[in-house]
Amino acid sequence: MDGGEVVNSHPQEPHPVPESPRAGRVAAVGLGTAVVLAALGAPLGWLWSAFAPDVPLVKTANGMQLTEPQPEQFVAADGWYSLLGLGFGVLAAIAVWVLLRRYRGPVTLLAVAVGTVGAALIAWWLGSRLGQDAFERLVASAPVGTTVSQPPELRAGGFEWVYGFIPTLRGDVLLPAFGAVVTYTLMAGWSRYATLVPEQEPELDAEPAVFGPRPAAEWQAATWSRPTPATGSPVPDRGPWQINGAGIDGGPGPTNDTMPGAGPWATPPAEPNGDVSSRSPAPQAPTEAPAPPVPDPAAPPRD
């Protein structure tokens, strides 16, 4: 410390900014991410066909007919596809966010959206085709009145062409992409890094700060500085300061050490009545206890 200025012996270095990957590498990683997510639609379709119930049909002379007017299996198949697809999208977004932390950004978000849409289409196609060949062979060879089970079908979503050339997705097929995009966007909004890429934390000082009273050895070794008068001339060092006859360190001090505009340190100024001022009042002598009362001789004796 010199002239009131505090010097930090351990200056903190700025946070290192991570190097951004090249655009070509980001595009390649995004394309690979979309392909991998789309390929995961195959196990998703198998899960859907395993959980969704089959629809019971009966063979008649006019073809296959429902055994019930409004079977619940159609609703259950759509529900299982929705739940599995939404959960797949959320898990895919979390996995991409954790594994591809260096490539976080809009390109990766677009890759996640495209990949989950592809996975939804593959899951829909594969889940509907599993067991479909066996069902068609059974329908062709079964006699009239035979009850057969049809594999699950998706009725609350699908793919169609608008005006014959514009591909359009609708319904449950969009749920995996919806869950993935929302989850990825929320994690990006909650990230504490401006670039979404984790930055290297600065290293702490090797010598930690110690809080508490200073040891006695350090206090004894410390050098006391004397204040200077208003004129700027230093006061000669004639020993430790003396307050009420004792030095500031407990030892004897000089009796004629004075400061500009102040009296001697050794003897405080006297009061007008000649008494020496003190911070605490003078102790008073203890008073004697009063004597016990003398009994009256004319009073009758007590029993």
Protein backbone atom coordinates (compact mmCIF):
# COMPACT_ATOMS: atom_id res chain seq x y z
CA MET A 1 0.00 0.00 0.00
CA ASP A 2 1.56 3.33 -1.05
CA GLY A 3 -0.31 6.62 -0.80
CA GLY A 4 -3.66 4.95 -0.18
CA GLU A 5 -3.46 2.82 -3.32
CA VAL A 6 -4.15 -0.89 -2.93
CA VAL A 7 -2.00 -3.15 -5.09
CA ASN A 8 -3.35 -6.63 -5.86
CA SER A 9 -0.54 -9.13 -5.91
CA HIS A 10 -2.72 -11.74 -7.61
CA PRO A 11 -4.49 -10.09 -10.56
CA GLN A 12 -7.36 -12.08 -12.05
CA GLU A 13 -7.01 -13.03 -15.65
CA PRO A 14 -10.00 -12.64 -17.99
CA HIS A 15 -12.10 -15.67 -18.82
CA PRO A 16 -10.72 -17.47 -21.83
CA VAL A 17 -13.18 -17.43 -24.72
CA PRO A 18 -13.59 -20.90 -26.24
CA GLU A 19 -12.68 -21.21 -29.87
CA SER A 20 -15.73 -21.63 -32.09
CA PRO A 21 -15.70 -24.66 -34.40
CA ARG A 22 -15.63 -24.09 -38.12
CA ALA A 23 -18.85 -23.75 -40.10
CA GLY A 24 -18.16 -26.85 -42.16
CA ARG A 25 -17.61 -28.96 -39.08
CA VAL A 26 -20.78 -27.61 -37.46
CA ALA A 27 -22.79 -28.48 -40.59
CA ALA A 28 -21.31 -31.99 -40.67
CA VAL A 29 -22.11 -32.56 -37.00
CA GLY A 30 -25.65 -31.26 -37.53
CA LEU A 31 -26.21 -33.60 -40.47
CA GLY A 32 -24.89 -36.56 -38.50
CA THR A 33 -27.12 -35.67 -35.58
CA ALA A 34 -30.22 -35.59 -37.77
CA VAL A 35 -29.35 -38.97 -39.33
CA VAL A 36 -28.74 -40.63 -35.97
CA LEU A 37 -31.98 -39.31 -34.49
CA ALA A 38 -33.95 -40.41 -37.53
CA ALA A 39 -32.47 -43.91 -37.27
CA LEU A 40 -33.66 -44.11 -33.68
CA GLY A 41 -37.18 -44.08 -35.06
CA ALA A 42 -36.84 -47.83 -35.72
CA PRO A 43 -36.71 -48.86 -32.04
CA LEU A 44 -39.36 -46.25 -31.32
CA GLY A 45 -41.68 -47.91 -33.84
CA TRP A 46 -41.02 -51.32 -32.34
CA LEU A 47 -41.93 -49.99 -28.88
CA TRP A 48 -45.14 -48.53 -30.25
CA SER A 49 -46.19 -51.80 -31.85
CA ALA A 50 -45.38 -53.66 -28.62
CA PHE A 51 -47.38 -51.37 -26.31
CA ALA A 52 -50.31 -50.42 -28.55
CA PRO A 53 -53.14 -52.97 -28.51
CA ASP A 54 -54.30 -54.74 -31.66
CA VAL A 55 -57.76 -54.07 -33.07
CA PRO A 56 -60.07 -57.13 -33.13
CA LEU A 57 -61.80 -57.74 -36.49
CA VAL A 58 -64.12 -60.41 -37.76
CA LYS A 59 -64.22 -61.73 -41.31
CA THR A 60 -67.59 -61.58 -43.05
CA ALA A 61 -68.79 -62.17 -46.57
CA ASN A 62 -68.42 -58.46 -47.23
CA GLY A 63 -64.90 -58.30 -45.81
CA MET A 64 -63.40 -57.48 -42.44
CA GLN A 65 -65.66 -55.77 -39.90
CA LEU A 66 -65.12 -54.34 -36.42
CA THR A 67 -66.32 -56.49 -33.56
CA GLU A 68 -67.46 -53.33 -31.71
CA PRO A 69 -68.97 -50.14 -33.12
CA GLN A 70 -66.40 -47.87 -31.42
CA PRO A 71 -63.42 -49.90 -30.23
CA GLU A 72 -61.05 -48.29 -27.72
CA GLN A 73 -57.98 -49.78 -29.37
CA PHE A 74 -57.78 -46.96 -31.93
CA VAL A 75 -57.61 -44.33 -29.18
CA ALA A 76 -55.08 -46.38 -27.22
CA ALA A 77 -52.83 -46.70 -30.28
CA ASP A 78 -52.85 -42.93 -30.82
CA GLY A 79 -52.22 -42.32 -27.13
CA TRP A 80 -49.23 -44.64 -26.96
CA TYR A 81 -47.73 -43.06 -30.05
CA SER A 82 -48.14 -39.58 -28.56
CA LEU A 83 -46.57 -40.47 -25.23
CA LEU A 84 -43.66 -42.37 -26.72
CA GLY A 85 -43.02 -39.71 -29.34
CA LEU A 86 -43.10 -36.82 -26.86
CA GLY A 87 -40.79 -38.61 -24.45
CA PHE A 88 -38.43 -39.49 -27.27
CA GLY A 89 -38.18 -35.84 -28.31
CA VAL A 90 -37.41 -34.63 -24.78
CA LEU A 91 -34.73 -37.28 -24.22
CA ALA A 92 -33.18 -36.62 -27.63
CA ALA A 93 -32.87 -32.90 -26.91
CA ILE A 94 -31.23 -33.53 -23.51
CA ALA A 95 -28.78 -36.05 -24.99
CA VAL A 96 -27.77 -33.71 -27.81
CA TRP A 97 -27.36 -30.79 -25.39
CA VAL A 98 -25.05 -32.79 -23.12
CA LEU A 99 -23.04 -34.71 -25.71
CA LEU A 100 -22.60 -31.95 -28.29
CA ARG A 101 -21.84 -29.07 -25.94
CA ARG A 102 -19.24 -27.58 -28.28
CA TYR A 103 -21.77 -27.35 -31.11
CA ARG A 104 -24.70 -25.81 -29.30
CA GLY A 105 -26.61 -23.30 -31.33
CA PRO A 106 -29.27 -22.83 -34.01
CA VAL A 107 -27.70 -25.34 -36.41
CA THR A 108 -27.88 -28.10 -33.83
CA LEU A 109 -31.44 -27.09 -32.94
CA LEU A 110 -32.44 -27.40 -36.60
CA ALA A 111 -30.74 -30.79 -36.79
CA VAL A 112 -32.68 -31.97 -33.72
CA ALA A 113 -35.98 -30.82 -35.23
CA VAL A 114 -35.33 -32.52 -38.58
CA GLY A 115 -34.04 -35.70 -36.95
CA THR A 116 -37.02 -36.10 -34.64
CA VAL A 117 -39.44 -35.56 -37.52
CA GLY A 118 -37.66 -38.30 -39.44
CA ALA A 119 -37.79 -40.56 -36.39
CA ALA A 120 -41.54 -39.98 -36.06
CA LEU A 121 -42.14 -40.96 -39.69
CA ILE A 122 -39.99 -44.09 -39.45
CA ALA A 123 -41.65 -45.11 -36.18
CA TRP A 124 -45.10 -44.68 -37.70
CA TRP A 125 -44.23 -46.67 -40.81
CA LEU A 126 -42.35 -49.46 -39.04
CA GLY A 127 -44.83 -49.82 -36.18
CA SER A 128 -47.71 -50.17 -38.64
CA ARG A 129 -45.83 -52.71 -40.79
CA LEU A 130 -44.78 -55.01 -37.96
CA GLY A 131 -47.19 -57.95 -38.09
CA GLN A 132 -49.00 -56.56 -41.14
CA ASP A 133 -47.84 -59.34 -43.48
CA ALA A 134 -49.00 -62.06 -41.09
CA PHE A 135 -52.32 -60.27 -40.69
CA GLU A 136 -52.88 -60.13 -44.46
CA ARG A 137 -52.06 -63.82 -44.89
CA LEU A 138 -54.45 -64.74 -42.09
CA VAL A 139 -57.26 -62.67 -43.59
CA ALA A 140 -56.77 -64.29 -46.98
CA SER A 141 -56.89 -67.84 -45.64
CA ALA A 142 -59.37 -67.52 -42.74
CA PRO A 143 -62.99 -68.64 -43.23
CA VAL A 144 -65.95 -66.35 -42.68
CA GLY A 145 -66.62 -65.65 -38.99
CA THR A 146 -62.99 -65.85 -37.94
CA THR A 147 -61.77 -63.18 -35.51
CA VAL A 148 -58.33 -61.78 -36.23
CA SER A 149 -56.21 -59.00 -34.69
CA GLN A 150 -55.10 -56.05 -36.79
CA PRO A 151 -51.77 -54.27 -35.96
CA PRO A 152 -52.09 -50.73 -34.56
CA GLU A 153 -52.79 -47.83 -36.88
CA LEU A 154 -52.23 -44.12 -36.37
CA ARG A 155 -55.42 -42.16 -36.94
CA ALA A 156 -54.60 -38.86 -35.16
CA GLY A 157 -51.70 -37.94 -37.42
CA GLY A 158 -50.02 -38.71 -40.68
CA PHE A 159 -48.44 -37.45 -43.86
CA GLU A 160 -50.20 -36.08 -46.90
CA TRP A 161 -49.59 -34.06 -50.06
CA VAL A 162 -51.18 -30.65 -50.45
CA TYR A 163 -51.98 -29.73 -54.05
CA GLY A 164 -50.25 -32.88 -55.05
CA PHE A 165 -46.68 -31.67 -54.48
CA ILE A 166 -46.41 -29.99 -51.02
CA PRO A 167 -45.61 -32.52 -48.24
CA THR A 168 -47.48 -31.81 -45.02
CA LEU A 169 -47.29 -33.41 -41.60
CA ARG A 170 -50.16 -33.28 -39.13
CA GLY A 171 -51.17 -34.51 -35.72
CA ASP A 172 -49.14 -36.86 -33.57
CA VAL A 173 -46.29 -37.10 -36.06
CA LEU A 174 -45.15 -33.62 -35.01
CA LEU A 175 -45.07 -34.35 -31.27
CA PRO A 176 -41.45 -35.68 -31.12
CA ALA A 177 -40.16 -32.55 -32.86
CA PHE A 178 -42.29 -30.33 -30.65
CA GLY A 179 -40.92 -31.88 -27.44
CA ALA A 180 -37.33 -31.73 -28.70
CA VAL A 181 -37.44 -28.09 -29.84
CA VAL A 182 -39.12 -26.84 -26.66
CA THR A 183 -36.71 -28.73 -24.40
CA TYR A 184 -33.61 -27.59 -26.28
CA THR A 185 -34.80 -23.97 -26.30
CA LEU A 186 -35.49 -24.00 -22.56
CA MET A 187 -32.03 -25.36 -21.78
CA ALA A 188 -30.49 -22.67 -23.99
CA GLY A 189 -32.46 -20.00 -22.15
CA TRP A 190 -31.31 -21.28 -18.76
CA SER A 191 -27.66 -21.57 -19.78
CA ARG A 192 -25.29 -19.22 -17.91
CA TYR A 193 -22.95 -18.97 -20.90
CA ALA A 194 -23.62 -16.32 -23.53
CA THR A 195 -22.29 -18.55 -26.32
CA LEU A 196 -24.02 -21.67 -24.85
CA VAL A 197 -20.57 -23.32 -24.82
CA PRO A 198 -19.08 -23.98 -21.36
CA GLU A 199 -16.11 -21.72 -20.66
CA GLN A 200 -13.03 -22.58 -18.63
CA GLU A 201 -13.28 -21.31 -15.08
CA PRO A 202 -10.40 -19.07 -13.88
CA GLU A 203 -7.92 -20.67 -11.52
CA LEU A 204 -8.02 -19.50 -7.92
CA ASP A 205 -4.99 -18.16 -6.06
CA ALA A 206 -2.65 -20.80 -4.71
CA GLU A 207 -2.51 -19.06 -1.31
CA PRO A 208 -5.99 -18.83 0.19
CA ALA A 209 -6.90 -15.82 2.26
CA VAL A 210 -6.77 -16.32 6.02
CA PHE A 211 -9.32 -14.51 8.15
CA GLY A 212 -8.98 -13.99 11.90
CA PRO A 213 -6.78 -12.22 14.47
CA ARG A 214 -3.14 -11.71 13.63
CA PRO A 215 -0.58 -13.67 15.69
CA ALA A 216 1.27 -11.81 18.44
CA ALA A 217 4.58 -12.21 16.61
CA GLU A 218 3.22 -10.29 13.63
CA TRP A 219 1.94 -7.48 15.86
CA GLN A 220 5.32 -7.15 17.56
CA ALA A 221 7.15 -7.11 14.24
CA ALA A 222 4.82 -4.49 12.77
CA THR A 223 6.21 -0.95 12.39
CA TRP A 224 4.03 1.86 13.68
CA SER A 225 3.95 4.99 11.53
CA ARG A 226 3.74 8.42 13.12
CA PRO A 227 1.31 11.03 11.79
CA THR A 228 2.75 14.23 10.35
CA PRO A 229 1.76 17.80 11.21
CA ALA A 230 -0.32 19.94 8.91
CA THR A 231 2.84 21.67 7.61
CA GLY A 232 4.04 18.39 6.14
CA SER A 233 7.24 18.15 8.25
CA PRO A 234 7.69 14.73 9.80
CA VAL A 235 7.56 14.33 13.56
CA PRO A 236 10.81 12.91 14.93
CA ASP A 237 10.47 9.39 16.18
CA ARG A 238 11.19 9.49 19.92
CA GLY A 239 9.69 6.19 20.87
CA PRO A 240 6.23 4.78 21.19
CA TRP A 241 3.28 7.03 21.93
CA GLN A 242 2.22 7.41 25.51
CA ILE A 243 -1.36 7.48 26.66
CA ASN A 244 -2.03 8.14 30.38
CA GLY A 245 1.56 7.41 31.30
CA ALA A 246 1.99 4.23 29.25
CA GLY A 247 3.08 3.54 25.70
CA ILE A 248 0.70 2.19 23.10
CA ASP A 249 2.50 -1.17 23.27
CA GLY A 250 2.26 -1.33 27.08
CA GLY A 251 5.77 0.01 27.83
CA PRO A 252 6.82 3.37 29.25
CA GLY A 253 6.71 6.31 26.90
CA PRO A 254 8.29 9.77 26.84
CA THR A 255 6.72 12.42 29.02
CA ASN A 256 7.47 15.36 26.75
CA ASP A 257 6.16 13.93 23.46
CA THR A 258 3.75 16.51 22.17
CA MET A 259 1.83 16.91 18.96
CA PRO A 260 1.18 20.27 17.27
CA GLY A 261 -1.81 21.87 18.94
CA ALA A 262 -2.00 19.29 21.75
CA GLY A 263 -0.71 19.03 25.30
CA PRO A 264 1.79 16.53 26.65
CA TRP A 265 0.91 12.89 26.35
CA ALA A 266 2.21 11.86 29.76
CA THR A 267 0.07 14.13 32.01
CA PRO A 268 -3.51 14.99 31.03
CA PRO A 269 -4.66 18.60 31.56
CA ALA A 270 -5.98 19.47 35.02
CA GLU A 271 -9.55 20.44 35.65
CA PRO A 272 -10.40 23.90 37.06
CA ASN A 273 -10.75 22.48 40.56
CA GLY A 274 -7.28 20.98 40.40
CA ASP A 275 -8.40 17.39 40.08
CA VAL A 276 -7.05 15.22 37.33
CA SER A 277 -9.71 14.23 34.84
CA SER A 278 -10.47 10.59 34.56
CA ARG A 279 -12.75 8.57 32.42
CA SER A 280 -14.28 6.78 35.44
CA PRO A 281 -15.50 8.44 38.69
CA ALA A 282 -13.36 8.17 41.80
CA PRO A 283 -14.27 5.25 44.06
CA GLN A 284 -16.26 6.17 47.17
CA ALA A 285 -15.46 4.87 50.65
CA PRO A 286 -17.94 2.30 51.90
CA THR A 287 -20.41 3.60 54.47
CA GLU A 288 -20.89 1.93 57.89
CA ALA A 289 -24.03 -0.04 58.59
CA PRO A 290 -26.54 1.70 60.93
CA ALA A 291 -26.55 0.60 64.60
CA PRO A 292 -29.44 -1.60 65.74
CA PRO A 293 -32.21 0.13 67.75
CA VAL A 294 -31.92 0.20 71.55
CA PRO A 295 -34.89 -1.53 73.31
CA ASP A 296 -37.14 0.64 75.43
CA PRO A 297 -36.91 -0.32 79.16
CA ALA A 298 -40.50 0.78 79.83
CA ALA A 299 -41.95 -1.59 77.30
CA PRO A 300 -43.53 -4.79 78.67
CA PRO A 301 -41.50 -7.94 78.12
CA ARG A 302 -42.43 -10.19 75.30
CA ASP A 303 -43.39 -13.82 75.88
